[in-house]
Structures are given as structure tokens and as C-alpha cells.
Amino acid sequence: MYNLEHLRMFVESAQSGSFSACARKLGKVQSAVSQGIANLEIELNTTLFDRSTRKPSLTPQGERLLPFARSVLQ
């Protein structure tokens, strides 16, 4: 079962382009957002963000999840 808070963090991070911006918008610390997304990745057994650069970007799996996550949150 998906944790709605983790999906919210995922969507906001994808939209804002960073975990820090997501944390500011959701009123959380950056480490909580990073951990929430990591937990979602573990739950889904996939990598949702490419973290090899300074600014995380969606992987192909993350791109596929994004519309689903948005519809679940609506």
C-alpha cells in the first residue's frame, strides 16, 4: 500500500526540482523528504530519482509513476 505522504513528497519534489524545496513547501526538514522518497523507492523496488547530479531528476520509472501519483493525491 502506498503511503500518501511519501507520494506527496515524490510529486512535490518532481515539481519543484529538489528535495529541499519540497521540504520547505511541506514544512518538513530535507532529510525527512529524502527518507520518505527512499522508503517509497524501497516499497516499489525501483529508483525514482537520479541523484548523480546536484539537482535530482526523475528516472524513467519516476516519469511513469508521476501521473499515477498525481491522480491518487487528487
Protein backbone atom coordinates (compact mmCIF):
# COMPACT_ATOMS: atom_id res chain seq x y z
CA MET A 1 0.00 0.00 0.00
CA TYR A 2 1.31 3.43 -0.90
CA ASN A 3 1.92 5.94 1.85
CA LEU A 4 0.13 9.12 0.74
CA GLU A 5 2.67 11.35 2.48
CA HIS A 6 5.50 9.68 0.53
CA LEU A 7 3.57 10.15 -2.72
CA ARG A 8 3.02 13.81 -1.82
CA MET A 9 6.77 14.21 -1.23
CA PHE A 10 7.52 12.49 -4.53
CA VAL A 11 5.15 14.69 -6.55
CA GLU A 12 6.28 17.92 -4.88
CA SER A 13 9.96 17.02 -5.33
CA ALA A 14 9.38 16.26 -9.01
CA GLN A 15 7.53 19.56 -9.50
CA SER A 16 9.95 21.73 -7.53
CA GLY A 17 13.11 20.02 -8.76
CA SER A 18 14.66 19.50 -5.35
CA PHE A 19 14.11 17.76 -2.06
CA SER A 20 14.94 20.96 -0.19
CA ALA A 21 12.28 22.99 -2.00
CA CYS A 22 9.79 20.20 -1.36
CA ALA A 23 10.66 20.22 2.33
CA ARG A 24 10.15 23.98 2.57
CA LYS A 25 6.77 23.78 0.85
CA LEU A 26 5.56 20.86 3.01
CA GLY A 27 7.01 22.27 6.25
CA LYS A 28 9.43 19.40 6.77
CA VAL A 29 13.17 19.00 7.03
CA GLN A 30 15.05 17.94 3.91
CA SER A 31 16.20 14.68 5.50
CA ALA A 32 12.58 13.65 6.12
CA VAL A 33 11.76 14.19 2.45
CA SER A 34 14.85 12.24 1.34
CA GLN A 35 13.96 9.40 3.69
CA GLY A 36 10.31 9.40 2.61
CA ILE A 37 11.25 9.12 -1.04
CA ALA A 38 13.84 6.45 -0.24
CA ASN A 39 11.14 4.49 1.59
CA LEU A 40 8.84 4.81 -1.42
CA GLU A 41 11.64 3.55 -3.67
CA ILE A 42 12.19 0.58 -1.37
CA GLU A 43 8.46 -0.17 -1.32
CA LEU A 44 8.30 -0.03 -5.12
CA ASN A 45 11.68 -1.74 -5.58
CA THR A 46 12.81 0.90 -8.06
CA THR A 47 14.75 4.15 -8.29
CA LEU A 48 12.54 7.19 -8.85
CA PHE A 49 15.19 9.94 -8.90
CA ASP A 50 18.66 10.08 -10.42
CA ARG A 51 20.75 11.58 -7.65
CA SER A 52 24.06 11.61 -9.56
CA THR A 53 23.89 15.38 -10.12
CA ARG A 54 23.33 18.29 -7.79
CA LYS A 55 19.68 18.52 -8.82
CA PRO A 56 17.76 15.21 -8.70
CA SER A 57 15.89 14.28 -11.87
CA LEU A 58 13.22 11.69 -12.49
CA THR A 59 14.25 8.30 -13.82
CA PRO A 60 12.05 6.64 -16.46
CA GLN A 61 10.32 4.77 -13.60
CA GLY A 62 9.72 8.08 -11.81
CA GLU A 63 8.28 9.58 -15.01
CA ARG A 64 5.81 6.67 -15.23
CA LEU A 65 4.81 6.97 -11.56
CA LEU A 66 4.24 10.75 -11.59
CA PRO A 67 0.83 10.84 -13.36
CA PHE A 68 -0.41 7.94 -11.21
CA ALA A 69 0.77 9.64 -8.01
CA ARG A 70 -0.90 12.92 -9.01
CA SER A 71 -4.20 11.16 -9.68
CA VAL A 72 -4.06 9.30 -6.37
CA LEU A 73 -3.48 12.56 -4.49
CA GLN A 74 -6.41 14.28 -6.19
